[in-house]
Amino acid sequence: VWKIYFLDIKQTNLIFSLKLQPLIVVIRLDFDFFRTPFKRDKLFLKINKLLSLGIKHIEIAWDSNPGWINLINEVKTNFKDINIGIASINSLQALESILSLDINYSMSPFFNKEIHLKAKEYNQLLIPGISNIENYKEAINLGYKIIKIFPASNLGINFLNKLKDFKEIDIFFIGAGGIKTKDIKELLKDGYNALAIGRELQNQTSDQDLEIWLKDFQKYSSI
């Protein structure tokens, strides 16, 4: 029971944080990241830039490289004002490797009941990627109050509306996959509670559309 309680707290905390700013920037490391020393400095500059623009949530994709754990610990130590999450947890090996990091949340690209049950057992919030109604119902049965719709750009707003029709409890929906910065405002208006943006953001740094949205959002939220 206490594990379910703590998972509920983690979900509630993340939902609260995303209501304050409904955007997650997802960073994927280059394939040669750990063989190229200057890429660590480049990553830190990138995160600093996002932080200076007011970004509050950053996910870093999981990597099997032995140096990855140390890297995430360094990021956590250096950027205490950012809510750090882990993306692309799609195996038990990946799940078990992040337990020592004490990460607030992680995400999976799809729904895998075995992995999600293990995550609950470990008291690790692992938000499932949902692409069909059946998995959505299963995720709700496991106690999820926060769901990632993936790939959102392919599934479209109609799919989001279908899920809302099945909603028995208040579910917080994150759209991810193929989302462009120019569409952030519209997608939030269409019913997503938050958005994760990654590959469509060139070099996973800011662009003009993102900076305009952040300025507008900060202005609106401070009123």
C-alpha atoms as a PDB file:
ATOM      1  CA  VAL A   1       0.000   0.000   0.000  1.00  0.00           C
ATOM      2  CA  TRP A   2       2.767   2.487   0.916  1.00  0.00           C
ATOM      3  CA  LYS A   3       4.392   1.990  -2.504  1.00  0.00           C
ATOM      4  CA  ILE A   4       1.140   2.876  -4.260  1.00  0.00           C
ATOM      5  CA  TYR A   5       0.882   5.906  -1.968  1.00  0.00           C
ATOM      6  CA  PHE A   6       4.380   7.122  -2.830  1.00  0.00           C
ATOM      7  CA  LEU A   7       3.765   6.583  -6.558  1.00  0.00           C
ATOM      8  CA  ASP A   8       0.606   8.665  -6.223  1.00  0.00           C
ATOM      9  CA  ILE A   9       2.674  11.425  -4.612  1.00  0.00           C
ATOM     10  CA  LYS A  10       5.204  11.269  -7.469  1.00  0.00           C
ATOM     11  CA  GLN A  11       2.423  11.493 -10.051  1.00  0.00           C
ATOM     12  CA  THR A  12       0.747  14.359  -8.191  1.00  0.00           C
ATOM     13  CA  ASN A  13       4.051  16.266  -7.918  1.00  0.00           C
ATOM     14  CA  LEU A  14       4.808  15.876 -11.618  1.00  0.00           C
ATOM     15  CA  ILE A  15       1.286  16.922 -12.629  1.00  0.00           C
ATOM     16  CA  PHE A  16       1.560  19.995 -10.389  1.00  0.00           C
ATOM     17  CA  SER A  17       4.943  20.890 -11.920  1.00  0.00           C
ATOM     18  CA  LEU A  18       3.656  20.435 -15.488  1.00  0.00           C
ATOM     19  CA  LYS A  19       0.616  22.583 -14.762  1.00  0.00           C
ATOM     20  CA  LEU A  20       3.039  25.387 -13.877  1.00  0.00           C
ATOM     21  CA  GLN A  21       4.795  24.859 -17.238  1.00  0.00           C
ATOM     22  CA  PRO A  22       3.373  22.231 -19.615  1.00  0.00           C
ATOM     23  CA  LEU A  23       6.500  21.467 -21.623  1.00  0.00           C
ATOM     24  CA  ILE A  24       9.248  18.837 -21.503  1.00  0.00           C
ATOM     25  CA  VAL A  25      12.347  19.067 -23.695  1.00  0.00           C
ATOM     26  CA  VAL A  26      13.769  15.633 -24.536  1.00  0.00           C
ATOM     27  CA  ILE A  27      17.507  15.376 -25.185  1.00  0.00           C
ATOM     28  CA  ARG A  28      19.016  12.351 -26.934  1.00  0.00           C
ATOM     29  CA  LEU A  29      22.765  11.860 -26.764  1.00  0.00           C
ATOM     30  CA  ASP A  30      24.743  11.482 -29.982  1.00  0.00           C
ATOM     31  CA  PHE A  31      25.909   7.934 -30.752  1.00  0.00           C
ATOM     32  CA  ASP A  32      29.540   8.971 -30.153  1.00  0.00           C
ATOM     33  CA  PHE A  33      28.785  11.089 -27.046  1.00  0.00           C
ATOM     34  CA  PHE A  34      30.949   9.067 -24.647  1.00  0.00           C
ATOM     35  CA  ARG A  35      33.847   8.866 -27.112  1.00  0.00           C
ATOM     36  CA  THR A  36      33.948  12.628 -27.695  1.00  0.00           C
ATOM     37  CA  PRO A  37      34.987  14.586 -24.555  1.00  0.00           C
ATOM     38  CA  PHE A  38      33.762  18.053 -25.679  1.00  0.00           C
ATOM     39  CA  LYS A  39      30.200  16.722 -26.119  1.00  0.00           C
ATOM     40  CA  ARG A  40      29.657  16.716 -22.351  1.00  0.00           C
ATOM     41  CA  ASP A  41      30.462  20.457 -22.228  1.00  0.00           C
ATOM     42  CA  LYS A  42      28.197  21.013 -25.220  1.00  0.00           C
ATOM     43  CA  LEU A  43      25.353  19.192 -23.427  1.00  0.00           C
ATOM     44  CA  PHE A  44      25.803  21.345 -20.310  1.00  0.00           C
ATOM     45  CA  LEU A  45      25.764  24.525 -22.435  1.00  0.00           C
ATOM     46  CA  LYS A  46      22.573  23.289 -24.113  1.00  0.00           C
ATOM     47  CA  ILE A  47      20.878  22.645 -20.746  1.00  0.00           C
ATOM     48  CA  ASN A  48      22.078  26.035 -19.456  1.00  0.00           C
ATOM     49  CA  LYS A  49      20.547  27.750 -22.470  1.00  0.00           C
ATOM     50  CA  LEU A  50      17.201  25.955 -21.949  1.00  0.00           C
ATOM     51  CA  LEU A  51      17.299  26.844 -18.241  1.00  0.00           C
ATOM     52  CA  SER A  52      17.983  30.512 -19.035  1.00  0.00           C
ATOM     53  CA  LEU A  53      14.904  30.554 -21.290  1.00  0.00           C
ATOM     54  CA  GLY A  54      12.800  29.264 -18.411  1.00  0.00           C
ATOM     55  CA  ILE A  55      12.488  25.557 -19.301  1.00  0.00           C
ATOM     56  CA  LYS A  56      11.595  23.588 -16.155  1.00  0.00           C
ATOM     57  CA  HIS A  57      11.501  19.955 -17.374  1.00  0.00           C
ATOM     58  CA  ILE A  58      14.203  18.128 -19.310  1.00  0.00           C
ATOM     59  CA  GLU A  59      14.326  14.431 -20.130  1.00  0.00           C
ATOM     60  CA  ILE A  60      17.535  12.719 -21.131  1.00  0.00           C
ATOM     61  CA  ALA A  61      17.233   9.492 -23.085  1.00  0.00           C
ATOM     62  CA  TRP A  62      18.520   6.336 -21.434  1.00  0.00           C
ATOM     63  CA  ASP A  63      21.840   4.966 -22.692  1.00  0.00           C
ATOM     64  CA  SER A  64      23.467   1.612 -21.973  1.00  0.00           C
ATOM     65  CA  ASN A  65      26.957   3.152 -21.842  1.00  0.00           C
ATOM     66  CA  PRO A  66      28.571   2.641 -18.371  1.00  0.00           C
ATOM     67  CA  GLY A  67      29.348   6.377 -18.187  1.00  0.00           C
ATOM     68  CA  TRP A  68      25.693   7.362 -18.562  1.00  0.00           C
ATOM     69  CA  ILE A  69      24.813   6.998 -14.837  1.00  0.00           C
ATOM     70  CA  ASN A  70      27.666   9.339 -13.828  1.00  0.00           C
ATOM     71  CA  LEU A  71      26.556  11.812 -16.482  1.00  0.00           C
ATOM     72  CA  ILE A  72      22.983  11.934 -15.124  1.00  0.00           C
ATOM     73  CA  ASN A  73      24.280  12.388 -11.579  1.00  0.00           C
ATOM     74  CA  GLU A  74      26.406  15.302 -12.822  1.00  0.00           C
ATOM     75  CA  VAL A  75      23.402  16.849 -14.588  1.00  0.00           C
ATOM     76  CA  LYS A  76      21.296  16.502 -11.415  1.00  0.00           C
ATOM     77  CA  THR A  77      24.040  18.116  -9.303  1.00  0.00           C
ATOM     78  CA  ASN A  78      24.604  21.009 -11.703  1.00  0.00           C
ATOM     79  CA  PHE A  79      20.983  21.795 -12.575  1.00  0.00           C
ATOM     80  CA  LYS A  80      18.960  21.635  -9.395  1.00  0.00           C
ATOM     81  CA  ASP A  81      16.286  24.006 -10.782  1.00  0.00           C
ATOM     82  CA  ILE A  82      15.335  21.575 -13.545  1.00  0.00           C
ATOM     83  CA  ASN A  83      13.041  18.601 -13.032  1.00  0.00           C
ATOM     84  CA  ILE A  84      15.164  15.882 -14.668  1.00  0.00           C
ATOM     85  CA  GLY A  85      13.413  12.839 -16.136  1.00  0.00           C
ATOM     86  CA  ILE A  86      14.638   9.839 -18.109  1.00  0.00           C
ATOM     87  CA  ALA A  87      13.241   8.995 -21.553  1.00  0.00           C
ATOM     88  CA  SER A  88      13.215   5.715 -23.517  1.00  0.00           C
ATOM     89  CA  ILE A  89      12.949   3.195 -20.675  1.00  0.00           C
ATOM     90  CA  ASN A  90      11.913   0.181 -22.754  1.00  0.00           C
ATOM     91  CA  SER A  91      13.470  -2.801 -20.971  1.00  0.00           C
ATOM     92  CA  LEU A  92      13.942  -4.202 -17.467  1.00  0.00           C
ATOM     93  CA  GLN A  93      17.683  -3.559 -17.822  1.00  0.00           C
ATOM     94  CA  ALA A  94      17.025   0.135 -18.496  1.00  0.00           C
ATOM     95  CA  LEU A  95      14.534   0.353 -15.615  1.00  0.00           C
ATOM     96  CA  GLU A  96      16.860  -1.301 -13.095  1.00  0.00           C
ATOM     97  CA  SER A  97      19.808   0.858 -14.136  1.00  0.00           C
ATOM     98  CA  ILE A  98      18.020   4.109 -13.175  1.00  0.00           C
ATOM     99  CA  LEU A  99      16.894   3.064  -9.688  1.00  0.00           C
ATOM    100  CA  SER A 100      20.046   4.373  -7.980  1.00  0.00           C
ATOM    101  CA  LEU A 101      19.561   7.803  -9.577  1.00  0.00           C
ATOM    102  CA  ASP A 102      16.513   8.734  -7.488  1.00  0.00           C
ATOM    103  CA  ILE A 103      14.844  10.313 -10.517  1.00  0.00           C
ATOM    104  CA  ASN A 104      11.414  11.936 -10.069  1.00  0.00           C
ATOM    105  CA  TYR A 105       9.990  10.358 -13.212  1.00  0.00           C
ATOM    106  CA  SER A 106      10.829   8.367 -16.316  1.00  0.00           C
ATOM    107  CA  MET A 107       8.959   7.519 -19.509  1.00  0.00           C
ATOM    108  CA  SER A 108       8.508   4.528 -21.760  1.00  0.00           C
ATOM    109  CA  PRO A 109       7.716   4.813 -25.477  1.00  0.00           C
ATOM    110  CA  PHE A 110       5.090   2.047 -25.185  1.00  0.00           C
ATOM    111  CA  PHE A 111       3.048   0.077 -22.671  1.00  0.00           C
ATOM    112  CA  ASN A 112       4.684  -3.115 -21.391  1.00  0.00           C
ATOM    113  CA  LYS A 113       2.776  -4.505 -18.422  1.00  0.00           C
ATOM    114  CA  GLU A 114       5.734  -6.505 -17.067  1.00  0.00           C
ATOM    115  CA  ILE A 115       8.003  -3.439 -17.014  1.00  0.00           C
ATOM    116  CA  HIS A 116       5.317  -1.198 -15.497  1.00  0.00           C
ATOM    117  CA  LEU A 117       4.548  -3.714 -12.749  1.00  0.00           C
ATOM    118  CA  LYS A 118       8.263  -3.874 -11.957  1.00  0.00           C
ATOM    119  CA  ALA A 119       8.449  -0.083 -11.896  1.00  0.00           C
ATOM    120  CA  LYS A 120       5.620   0.002  -9.337  1.00  0.00           C
ATOM    121  CA  GLU A 121       7.404  -2.640  -7.280  1.00  0.00           C
ATOM    122  CA  TYR A 122      10.545  -0.454  -7.313  1.00  0.00           C
ATOM    123  CA  ASN A 123       8.516   2.712  -6.576  1.00  0.00           C
ATOM    124  CA  GLN A 124       9.795   4.242  -9.817  1.00  0.00           C
ATOM    125  CA  LEU A 125       7.342   6.426 -11.725  1.00  0.00           C
ATOM    126  CA  LEU A 126       7.500   5.119 -15.311  1.00  0.00           C
ATOM    127  CA  ILE A 127       4.907   6.891 -17.449  1.00  0.00           C
ATOM    128  CA  PRO A 128       3.640   4.641 -20.259  1.00  0.00           C
ATOM    129  CA  GLY A 129       3.413   5.587 -23.923  1.00  0.00           C
ATOM    130  CA  ILE A 130      -0.112   4.775 -25.109  1.00  0.00           C
ATOM    131  CA  SER A 131      -1.228   4.266 -28.708  1.00  0.00           C
ATOM    132  CA  ASN A 132      -4.458   2.262 -28.306  1.00  0.00           C
ATOM    133  CA  ILE A 133      -7.542   2.081 -26.077  1.00  0.00           C
ATOM    134  CA  GLU A 134      -6.719  -1.385 -24.634  1.00  0.00           C
ATOM    135  CA  ASN A 135      -3.351  -0.278 -23.245  1.00  0.00           C
ATOM    136  CA  TYR A 136      -4.941   2.908 -21.952  1.00  0.00           C
ATOM    137  CA  LYS A 137      -7.462   0.917 -19.899  1.00  0.00           C
ATOM    138  CA  GLU A 138      -4.667  -1.344 -18.587  1.00  0.00           C
ATOM    139  CA  ALA A 139      -2.583   1.681 -17.582  1.00  0.00           C
ATOM    140  CA  ILE A 140      -5.515   3.147 -15.660  1.00  0.00           C
ATOM    141  CA  ASN A 141      -6.010  -0.210 -13.916  1.00  0.00           C
ATOM    142  CA  LEU A 142      -2.370  -0.055 -12.794  1.00  0.00           C
ATOM    143  CA  GLY A 143      -3.084   3.296 -11.152  1.00  0.00           C
ATOM    144  CA  TYR A 144      -1.677   5.709 -13.716  1.00  0.00           C
ATOM    145  CA  LYS A 145      -3.067   9.240 -13.553  1.00  0.00           C
ATOM    146  CA  ILE A 146      -0.568  10.598 -16.051  1.00  0.00           C
ATOM    147  CA  ILE A 147      -0.341   9.115 -19.554  1.00  0.00           C
ATOM    148  CA  LYS A 148       1.867   9.823 -22.559  1.00  0.00           C
ATOM    149  CA  ILE A 149       0.178   9.627 -25.963  1.00  0.00           C
ATOM    150  CA  PHE A 150       2.814   8.452 -28.422  1.00  0.00           C
ATOM    151  CA  PRO A 151       3.295   9.150 -31.294  1.00  0.00           C
ATOM    152  CA  ALA A 152       0.937  12.099 -30.888  1.00  0.00           C
ATOM    153  CA  SER A 153       1.529  13.593 -34.346  1.00  0.00           C
ATOM    154  CA  ASN A 154       0.436  10.334 -36.030  1.00  0.00           C
ATOM    155  CA  LEU A 155      -2.447   9.517 -33.677  1.00  0.00           C
ATOM    156  CA  GLY A 156      -3.962  13.004 -33.902  1.00  0.00           C
ATOM    157  CA  ILE A 157      -6.416  14.901 -31.724  1.00  0.00           C
ATOM    158  CA  ASN A 158      -9.234  12.421 -32.486  1.00  0.00           C
ATOM    159  CA  PHE A 159      -7.339   9.731 -30.571  1.00  0.00           C
ATOM    160  CA  LEU A 160      -6.922  12.055 -27.583  1.00  0.00           C
ATOM    161  CA  ASN A 161     -10.662  12.763 -27.648  1.00  0.00           C
ATOM    162  CA  LYS A 162     -11.425   9.020 -27.764  1.00  0.00           C
ATOM    163  CA  LEU A 163      -9.328   8.479 -24.642  1.00  0.00           C
ATOM    164  CA  LYS A 164     -11.127  11.310 -22.920  1.00  0.00           C
ATOM    165  CA  ASP A 165     -14.444   9.577 -23.661  1.00  0.00           C
ATOM    166  CA  PHE A 166     -13.170   6.466 -21.825  1.00  0.00           C
ATOM    167  CA  LYS A 167     -11.906   8.466 -18.891  1.00  0.00           C
ATOM    168  CA  GLU A 168     -13.226   7.238 -15.550  1.00  0.00           C
ATOM    169  CA  ILE A 169     -10.929   9.406 -13.467  1.00  0.00           C
ATOM    170  CA  ASP A 170      -9.094  12.636 -14.137  1.00  0.00           C
ATOM    171  CA  ILE A 171      -6.156  11.708 -16.397  1.00  0.00           C
ATOM    172  CA  PHE A 172      -3.311  14.087 -17.266  1.00  0.00           C
ATOM    173  CA  PHE A 173      -2.320  13.689 -20.935  1.00  0.00           C
ATOM    174  CA  ILE A 174       1.170  14.361 -22.299  1.00  0.00           C
ATOM    175  CA  GLY A 175       1.523  14.479 -26.080  1.00  0.00           C
ATOM    176  CA  ALA A 176       4.856  13.243 -27.454  1.00  0.00           C
ATOM    177  CA  GLY A 177       6.287  12.236 -30.821  1.00  0.00           C
ATOM    178  CA  GLY A 178       6.648  14.482 -33.869  1.00  0.00           C
ATOM    179  CA  ILE A 179       5.495  17.660 -32.095  1.00  0.00           C
ATOM    180  CA  LYS A 180       6.777  20.915 -33.577  1.00  0.00           C
ATOM    181  CA  THR A 181       7.389  24.094 -31.582  1.00  0.00           C
ATOM    182  CA  LYS A 182       5.078  26.113 -33.848  1.00  0.00           C
ATOM    183  CA  ASP A 183       2.186  23.829 -32.811  1.00  0.00           C
ATOM    184  CA  ILE A 184       2.644  23.983 -29.001  1.00  0.00           C
ATOM    185  CA  LYS A 185      -0.012  26.625 -28.381  1.00  0.00           C
ATOM    186  CA  GLU A 186      -2.589  24.941 -30.640  1.00  0.00           C
ATOM    187  CA  LEU A 187      -2.057  21.440 -29.226  1.00  0.00           C
ATOM    188  CA  LEU A 188      -2.441  22.655 -25.643  1.00  0.00           C
ATOM    189  CA  LYS A 189      -5.621  24.449 -26.688  1.00  0.00           C
ATOM    190  CA  ASP A 190      -6.859  21.228 -28.359  1.00  0.00           C
ATOM    191  CA  GLY A 191      -6.729  19.328 -25.066  1.00  0.00           C
ATOM    192  CA  TYR A 192      -3.248  18.061 -24.241  1.00  0.00           C
ATOM    193  CA  ASN A 193      -2.283  18.914 -20.663  1.00  0.00           C
ATOM    194  CA  ALA A 194       1.453  18.975 -21.492  1.00  0.00           C
ATOM    195  CA  LEU A 195       3.799  18.247 -24.402  1.00  0.00           C
ATOM    196  CA  ALA A 196       7.191  16.594 -24.809  1.00  0.00           C
ATOM    197  CA  ILE A 197       9.292  17.908 -27.663  1.00  0.00           C
ATOM    198  CA  GLY A 198      12.593  16.447 -28.854  1.00  0.00           C
ATOM    199  CA  ARG A 199      13.607  15.368 -32.347  1.00  0.00           C
ATOM    200  CA  GLU A 200      11.546  18.112 -33.997  1.00  0.00           C
ATOM    201  CA  LEU A 201      13.535  20.721 -32.053  1.00  0.00           C
ATOM    202  CA  GLN A 202      16.631  21.315 -34.141  1.00  0.00           C
ATOM    203  CA  ASN A 203      19.785  20.298 -32.238  1.00  0.00           C
ATOM    204  CA  GLN A 204      17.481  19.971 -29.191  1.00  0.00           C
ATOM    205  CA  THR A 205      18.081  23.594 -28.382  1.00  0.00           C
ATOM    206  CA  SER A 206      15.689  26.533 -28.588  1.00  0.00           C
ATOM    207  CA  ASP A 207      14.237  28.008 -31.751  1.00  0.00           C
ATOM    208  CA  GLN A 208      12.246  31.163 -32.417  1.00  0.00           C
ATOM    209  CA  ASP A 209       8.819  29.515 -32.024  1.00  0.00           C
ATOM    210  CA  LEU A 210       9.798  27.978 -28.677  1.00  0.00           C
ATOM    211  CA  GLU A 211      11.177  31.282 -27.371  1.00  0.00           C
ATOM    212  CA  ILE A 212       8.020  33.171 -28.428  1.00  0.00           C
ATOM    213  CA  TRP A 213       5.799  30.565 -26.721  1.00  0.00           C
ATOM    214  CA  LEU A 214       7.879  30.662 -23.521  1.00  0.00           C
ATOM    215  CA  LYS A 215       7.721  34.474 -23.376  1.00  0.00           C
ATOM    216  CA  ASP A 216       3.955  34.457 -23.970  1.00  0.00           C
ATOM    217  CA  PHE A 217       3.418  31.685 -21.428  1.00  0.00           C
ATOM    218  CA  GLN A 218       5.512  33.418 -18.763  1.00  0.00           C
ATOM    219  CA  LYS A 219       3.647  36.677 -19.379  1.00  0.00           C
ATOM    220  CA  TYR A 220       0.261  34.931 -19.176  1.00  0.00           C
ATOM    221  CA  SER A 221       1.123  32.831 -16.099  1.00  0.00           C
ATOM    222  CA  SER A 222       2.409  35.864 -14.172  1.00  0.00           C
ATOM    223  CA  ILE A 223      -0.868  37.778 -14.596  1.00  0.00           C
END
